[in-house]
Amino acid sequence: MARTDFLASLNLTTLVIVLVVAGVALLLFLRRRSNARPLEGREERNVAADLDAGRLAPDHLPPSQP
């Protein structure tokens, strides 16, 4: 086996192993219910509407005064 053939097969093998590991990590990540659909069962907040209505938006700092 020539040196270039060995390097090409080593590169291909490394690429396949990295893709398999990344695929398994993605599947494990998406297996958690909270990661698969993060807004499922939660109401989406409209922070701009809260600020326009004069209410302080939760989890935000109050507007700074000049």
PDB file of N, CA and C in Angstrom:
ATOM      1  N   MET A   1       0.852  -1.168   0.000  1.00  0.00           N
ATOM      2  CA  MET A   1       0.000   0.000   0.000  1.00  0.00           C
ATOM      3  C   MET A   1       0.901   1.236   0.000  1.00  0.00           C
ATOM      4  N   ALA A   2       0.610   2.130  -0.920  1.00  0.00           N
ATOM      5  CA  ALA A   2       1.402   3.346  -1.010  1.00  0.00           C
ATOM      6  C   ALA A   2       1.023   4.284   0.124  1.00  0.00           C
ATOM      7  N   ARG A   3       1.949   5.205   0.403  1.00  0.00           N
ATOM      8  CA  ARG A   3       1.721   6.145   1.503  1.00  0.00           C
ATOM      9  C   ARG A   3       0.499   7.035   1.239  1.00  0.00           C
ATOM     10  N   THR A   4       0.287   7.442  -0.007  1.00  0.00           N
ATOM     11  CA  THR A   4      -0.859   8.301  -0.317  1.00  0.00           C
ATOM     12  C   THR A   4      -2.175   7.537  -0.160  1.00  0.00           C
ATOM     13  N   ASP A   5      -2.172   6.248  -0.498  1.00  0.00           N
ATOM     14  CA  ASP A   5      -3.382   5.441  -0.313  1.00  0.00           C
ATOM     15  C   ASP A   5      -3.709   5.300   1.167  1.00  0.00           C
ATOM     16  N   PHE A   6      -2.671   5.134   1.980  1.00  0.00           N
ATOM     17  CA  PHE A   6      -2.877   4.999   3.413  1.00  0.00           C
ATOM     18  C   PHE A   6      -3.442   6.289   4.003  1.00  0.00           C
ATOM     19  N   LEU A   7      -2.906   7.429   3.584  1.00  0.00           N
ATOM     20  CA  LEU A   7      -3.400   8.709   4.099  1.00  0.00           C
ATOM     21  C   LEU A   7      -4.834   8.970   3.664  1.00  0.00           C
ATOM     22  N   ALA A   8      -5.186   8.613   2.451  1.00  0.00           N
ATOM     23  CA  ALA A   8      -6.546   8.813   1.975  1.00  0.00           C
ATOM     24  C   ALA A   8      -7.532   7.948   2.761  1.00  0.00           C
ATOM     25  N   SER A   9      -7.181   6.703   3.003  1.00  0.00           N
ATOM     26  CA  SER A   9      -8.084   5.839   3.763  1.00  0.00           C
ATOM     27  C   SER A   9      -8.165   6.277   5.222  1.00  0.00           C
ATOM     28  N   LEU A  10      -7.075   6.776   5.776  1.00  0.00           N
ATOM     29  CA  LEU A  10      -7.089   7.281   7.147  1.00  0.00           C
ATOM     30  C   LEU A  10      -7.978   8.523   7.254  1.00  0.00           C
ATOM     31  N   ASN A  11      -7.889   9.408   6.280  1.00  0.00           N
ATOM     32  CA  ASN A  11      -8.753  10.600   6.274  1.00  0.00           C
ATOM     33  C   ASN A  11     -10.215  10.226   6.161  1.00  0.00           C
ATOM     34  N   LEU A  12     -10.534   9.306   5.297  1.00  0.00           N
ATOM     35  CA  LEU A  12     -11.920   8.880   5.117  1.00  0.00           C
ATOM     36  C   LEU A  12     -12.450   8.199   6.375  1.00  0.00           C
ATOM     37  N   THR A  13     -11.645   7.353   6.980  1.00  0.00           N
ATOM     38  CA  THR A  13     -12.052   6.674   8.209  1.00  0.00           C
ATOM     39  C   THR A  13     -12.295   7.678   9.328  1.00  0.00           C
ATOM     40  N   THR A  14     -11.415   8.660   9.459  1.00  0.00           N
ATOM     41  CA  THR A  14     -11.577   9.690  10.486  1.00  0.00           C
ATOM     42  C   THR A  14     -12.857  10.480  10.248  1.00  0.00           C
ATOM     43  N   LEU A  15     -13.141  10.844   9.010  1.00  0.00           N
ATOM     44  CA  LEU A  15     -14.354  11.584   8.686  1.00  0.00           C
ATOM     45  C   LEU A  15     -15.605  10.783   9.044  1.00  0.00           C
ATOM     46  N   VAL A  16     -15.617   9.506   8.710  1.00  0.00           N
ATOM     47  CA  VAL A  16     -16.774   8.662   9.010  1.00  0.00           C
ATOM     48  C   VAL A  16     -16.965   8.538  10.520  1.00  0.00           C
ATOM     49  N   ILE A  17     -15.897   8.355  11.261  1.00  0.00           N
ATOM     50  CA  ILE A  17     -15.997   8.224  12.722  1.00  0.00           C
ATOM     51  C   ILE A  17     -16.522   9.514  13.339  1.00  0.00           C
ATOM     52  N   VAL A  18     -16.031  10.664  12.881  1.00  0.00           N
ATOM     53  CA  VAL A  18     -16.485  11.951  13.419  1.00  0.00           C
ATOM     54  C   VAL A  18     -17.964  12.164  13.105  1.00  0.00           C
ATOM     55  N   LEU A  19     -18.410  11.824  11.908  1.00  0.00           N
ATOM     56  CA  LEU A  19     -19.819  11.978  11.552  1.00  0.00           C
ATOM     57  C   LEU A  19     -20.720  11.056  12.374  1.00  0.00           C
ATOM     58  N   VAL A  20     -20.274   9.855  12.635  1.00  0.00           N
ATOM     59  CA  VAL A  20     -21.063   8.929  13.453  1.00  0.00           C
ATOM     60  C   VAL A  20     -21.163   9.443  14.889  1.00  0.00           C
ATOM     61  N   VAL A  21     -20.064   9.921  15.438  1.00  0.00           N
ATOM     62  CA  VAL A  21     -20.081  10.456  16.806  1.00  0.00           C
ATOM     63  C   VAL A  21     -20.976  11.689  16.880  1.00  0.00           C
ATOM     64  N   ALA A  22     -20.912  12.569  15.877  1.00  0.00           N
ATOM     65  CA  ALA A  22     -21.761  13.768  15.868  1.00  0.00           C
ATOM     66  C   ALA A  22     -23.232  13.378  15.743  1.00  0.00           C
ATOM     67  N   GLY A  23     -23.544  12.381  14.944  1.00  0.00           N
ATOM     68  CA  GLY A  23     -24.926  11.917  14.806  1.00  0.00           C
ATOM     69  C   GLY A  23     -25.467  11.331  16.104  1.00  0.00           C
ATOM     70  N   VAL A  24     -24.662  10.542  16.785  1.00  0.00           N
ATOM     71  CA  VAL A  24     -25.081   9.962  18.064  1.00  0.00           C
ATOM     72  C   VAL A  24     -25.279  11.067  19.098  1.00  0.00           C
ATOM     73  N   ALA A  25     -24.389  12.058  19.125  1.00  0.00           N
ATOM     74  CA  ALA A  25     -24.529  13.167  20.069  1.00  0.00           C
ATOM     75  C   ALA A  25     -25.799  13.968  19.779  1.00  0.00           C
ATOM     76  N   LEU A  26     -26.110  14.183  18.516  1.00  0.00           N
ATOM     77  CA  LEU A  26     -27.335  14.901  18.157  1.00  0.00           C
ATOM     78  C   LEU A  26     -28.579  14.120  18.579  1.00  0.00           C
ATOM     79  N   LEU A  27     -28.574  12.824  18.350  1.00  0.00           N
ATOM     80  CA  LEU A  27     -29.718  12.002  18.760  1.00  0.00           C
ATOM     81  C   LEU A  27     -29.901  12.009  20.273  1.00  0.00           C
ATOM     82  N   LEU A  28     -28.815  11.931  21.023  1.00  0.00           N
ATOM     83  CA  LEU A  28     -28.922  11.978  22.477  1.00  0.00           C
ATOM     84  C   LEU A  28     -29.420  13.345  22.936  1.00  0.00           C
ATOM     85  N   PHE A  29     -28.986  14.400  22.271  1.00  0.00           N
ATOM     86  CA  PHE A  29     -29.422  15.748  22.617  1.00  0.00           C
ATOM     87  C   PHE A  29     -30.911  15.915  22.354  1.00  0.00           C
ATOM     88  N   LEU A  30     -31.395  15.448  21.205  1.00  0.00           N
ATOM     89  CA  LEU A  30     -32.799  15.609  20.851  1.00  0.00           C
ATOM     90  C   LEU A  30     -33.721  14.636  21.590  1.00  0.00           C
ATOM     91  N   ARG A  31     -33.159  13.636  22.231  1.00  0.00           N
ATOM     92  CA  ARG A  31     -33.965  12.686  22.980  1.00  0.00           C
ATOM     93  C   ARG A  31     -34.618  13.331  24.189  1.00  0.00           C
ATOM     94  N   ARG A  32     -33.952  14.329  24.746  1.00  0.00           N
ATOM     95  CA  ARG A  32     -34.559  15.046  25.868  1.00  0.00           C
ATOM     96  C   ARG A  32     -35.745  15.837  25.342  1.00  0.00           C
ATOM     97  N   ARG A  33     -36.859  15.698  25.996  1.00  0.00           N
ATOM     98  CA  ARG A  33     -38.087  16.336  25.546  1.00  0.00           C
ATOM     99  C   ARG A  33     -37.941  17.854  25.487  1.00  0.00           C
ATOM    100  N   SER A  34     -37.235  18.440  26.425  1.00  0.00           N
ATOM    101  CA  SER A  34     -37.102  19.899  26.451  1.00  0.00           C
ATOM    102  C   SER A  34     -36.240  20.414  25.306  1.00  0.00           C
ATOM    103  N   ASN A  35     -35.354  19.600  24.769  1.00  0.00           N
ATOM    104  CA  ASN A  35     -34.509  20.040  23.662  1.00  0.00           C
ATOM    105  C   ASN A  35     -35.174  19.815  22.309  1.00  0.00           C
ATOM    106  N   ALA A  36     -36.072  18.858  22.209  1.00  0.00           N
ATOM    107  CA  ALA A  36     -36.685  18.541  20.924  1.00  0.00           C
ATOM    108  C   ALA A  36     -37.622  19.659  20.473  1.00  0.00           C
ATOM    109  N   ARG A  37     -38.473  20.133  21.376  1.00  0.00           N
ATOM    110  CA  ARG A  37     -39.413  21.218  21.061  1.00  0.00           C
ATOM    111  C   ARG A  37     -39.429  22.158  22.249  1.00  0.00           C
ATOM    112  N   PRO A  38     -38.541  23.148  22.279  1.00  0.00           N
ATOM    113  CA  PRO A  38     -38.386  23.966  23.479  1.00  0.00           C
ATOM    114  C   PRO A  38     -39.601  24.807  23.850  1.00  0.00           C
ATOM    115  N   LEU A  39     -40.477  25.141  22.907  1.00  0.00           N
ATOM    116  CA  LEU A  39     -41.633  25.974  23.232  1.00  0.00           C
ATOM    117  C   LEU A  39     -42.914  25.173  23.419  1.00  0.00           C
ATOM    118  N   GLU A  40     -42.815  23.857  23.376  1.00  0.00           N
ATOM    119  CA  GLU A  40     -44.014  23.031  23.521  1.00  0.00           C
ATOM    120  C   GLU A  40     -44.568  23.173  24.937  1.00  0.00           C
ATOM    121  N   GLY A  41     -45.830  23.526  25.026  1.00  0.00           N
ATOM    122  CA  GLY A  41     -46.466  23.671  26.324  1.00  0.00           C
ATOM    123  C   GLY A  41     -46.185  24.995  27.001  1.00  0.00           C
ATOM    124  N   ARG A  42     -45.472  25.881  26.347  1.00  0.00           N
ATOM    125  CA  ARG A  42     -45.165  27.187  26.921  1.00  0.00           C
ATOM    126  C   ARG A  42     -45.729  28.269  26.027  1.00  0.00           C
ATOM    127  N   GLU A  43     -46.136  29.336  26.660  1.00  0.00           N
ATOM    128  CA  GLU A  43     -46.654  30.457  25.895  1.00  0.00           C
ATOM    129  C   GLU A  43     -45.493  31.362  25.495  1.00  0.00           C
ATOM    130  N   GLU A  44     -45.462  31.725  24.245  1.00  0.00           N
ATOM    131  CA  GLU A  44     -44.396  32.599  23.770  1.00  0.00           C
ATOM    132  C   GLU A  44     -44.670  34.024  24.252  1.00  0.00           C
ATOM    133  N   ARG A  45     -43.632  34.653  24.765  1.00  0.00           N
ATOM    134  CA  ARG A  45     -43.799  36.005  25.297  1.00  0.00           C
ATOM    135  C   ARG A  45     -43.559  37.025  24.203  1.00  0.00           C
ATOM    136  N   ASN A  46     -44.335  38.084  24.243  1.00  0.00           N
ATOM    137  CA  ASN A  46     -44.136  39.208  23.339  1.00  0.00           C
ATOM    138  C   ASN A  46     -43.665  40.379  24.188  1.00  0.00           C
ATOM    139  N   VAL A  47     -42.368  40.523  24.312  1.00  0.00           N
ATOM    140  CA  VAL A  47     -41.778  41.526  25.181  1.00  0.00           C
ATOM    141  C   VAL A  47     -42.107  42.926  24.679  1.00  0.00           C
ATOM    142  N   ALA A  48     -42.130  43.115  23.376  1.00  0.00           N
ATOM    143  CA  ALA A  48     -42.421  44.437  22.821  1.00  0.00           C
ATOM    144  C   ALA A  48     -43.833  44.885  23.192  1.00  0.00           C
ATOM    145  N   ALA A  49     -44.794  43.966  23.179  1.00  0.00           N
ATOM    146  CA  ALA A  49     -46.163  44.318  23.553  1.00  0.00           C
ATOM    147  C   ALA A  49     -46.231  44.696  25.024  1.00  0.00           C
ATOM    148  N   ASP A  50     -45.481  44.010  25.874  1.00  0.00           N
ATOM    149  CA  ASP A  50     -45.444  44.360  27.294  1.00  0.00           C
ATOM    150  C   ASP A  50     -44.869  45.759  27.490  1.00  0.00           C
ATOM    151  N   LEU A  51     -43.804  46.061  26.797  1.00  0.00           N
ATOM    152  CA  LEU A  51     -43.184  47.375  26.940  1.00  0.00           C
ATOM    153  C   LEU A  51     -44.085  48.476  26.395  1.00  0.00           C
ATOM    154  N   ASP A  52     -44.770  48.213  25.289  1.00  0.00           N
ATOM    155  CA  ASP A  52     -45.691  49.207  24.723  1.00  0.00           C
ATOM    156  C   ASP A  52     -46.871  49.470  25.651  1.00  0.00           C
ATOM    157  N   ALA A  53     -47.286  48.444  26.386  1.00  0.00           N
ATOM    158  CA  ALA A  53     -48.412  48.590  27.305  1.00  0.00           C
ATOM    159  C   ALA A  53     -47.985  49.238  28.620  1.00  0.00           C
ATOM    160  N   GLY A  54     -46.714  49.514  28.788  1.00  0.00           N
ATOM    161  CA  GLY A  54     -46.225  50.162  30.006  1.00  0.00           C
ATOM    162  C   GLY A  54     -45.879  49.198  31.112  1.00  0.00           C
ATOM    163  N   ARG A  55     -45.940  47.879  30.838  1.00  0.00           N
ATOM    164  CA  ARG A  55     -45.581  46.889  31.845  1.00  0.00           C
ATOM    165  C   ARG A  55     -44.107  46.551  31.696  1.00  0.00           C
ATOM    166  N   LEU A  56     -43.480  46.239  32.805  1.00  0.00           N
ATOM    167  CA  LEU A  56     -42.098  45.783  32.738  1.00  0.00           C
ATOM    168  C   LEU A  56     -42.085  44.348  32.226  1.00  0.00           C
ATOM    169  N   ALA A  57     -41.245  44.124  31.287  1.00  0.00           N
ATOM    170  CA  ALA A  57     -41.132  42.776  30.739  1.00  0.00           C
ATOM    171  C   ALA A  57     -40.389  41.904  31.749  1.00  0.00           C
ATOM    172  N   PRO A  58     -40.862  40.676  31.993  1.00  0.00           N
ATOM    173  CA  PRO A  58     -40.160  39.808  32.934  1.00  0.00           C
ATOM    174  C   PRO A  58     -38.771  39.459  32.416  1.00  0.00           C
ATOM    175  N   ASP A  59     -37.870  39.292  33.331  1.00  0.00           N
ATOM    176  CA  ASP A  59     -36.485  38.902  33.025  1.00  0.00           C
ATOM    177  C   ASP A  59     -35.724  39.975  32.254  1.00  0.00           C
ATOM    178  N   HIS A  60     -36.161  41.207  32.322  1.00  0.00           N
ATOM    179  CA  HIS A  60     -35.450  42.291  31.654  1.00  0.00           C
ATOM    180  C   HIS A  60     -35.246  43.426  32.633  1.00  0.00           C
ATOM    181  N   LEU A  61     -34.223  44.181  32.412  1.00  0.00           N
ATOM    182  CA  LEU A  61     -33.958  45.337  33.258  1.00  0.00           C
ATOM    183  C   LEU A  61     -34.965  46.442  32.972  1.00  0.00           C
ATOM    184  N   PRO A  62     -35.294  47.235  33.970  1.00  0.00           N
ATOM    185  CA  PRO A  62     -36.198  48.348  33.711  1.00  0.00           C
ATOM    186  C   PRO A  62     -35.530  49.361  32.788  1.00  0.00           C
ATOM    187  N   PRO A  63     -36.319  50.148  32.054  1.00  0.00           N
ATOM    188  CA  PRO A  63     -35.711  51.118  31.153  1.00  0.00           C
ATOM    189  C   PRO A  63     -34.885  52.147  31.942  1.00  0.00           C
ATOM    190  N   SER A  64     -33.759  52.479  31.379  1.00  0.00           N
ATOM    191  CA  SER A  64     -32.884  53.439  32.071  1.00  0.00           C
ATOM    192  C   SER A  64     -33.448  54.847  31.908  1.00  0.00           C
ATOM    193  N   GLN A  65     -33.285  55.628  32.963  1.00  0.00           N
ATOM    194  CA  GLN A  65     -33.796  57.005  32.938  1.00  0.00           C
ATOM    195  C   GLN A  65     -32.664  57.949  32.617  1.00  0.00           C
ATOM    196  N   PRO A  66     -32.926  58.958  31.773  1.00  0.00           N
ATOM    197  CA  PRO A  66     -31.844  59.871  31.372  1.00  0.00           C
ATOM    198  C   PRO A  66     -31.385  60.791  32.470  1.00  0.00           C
TER     199      PRO A  66
END
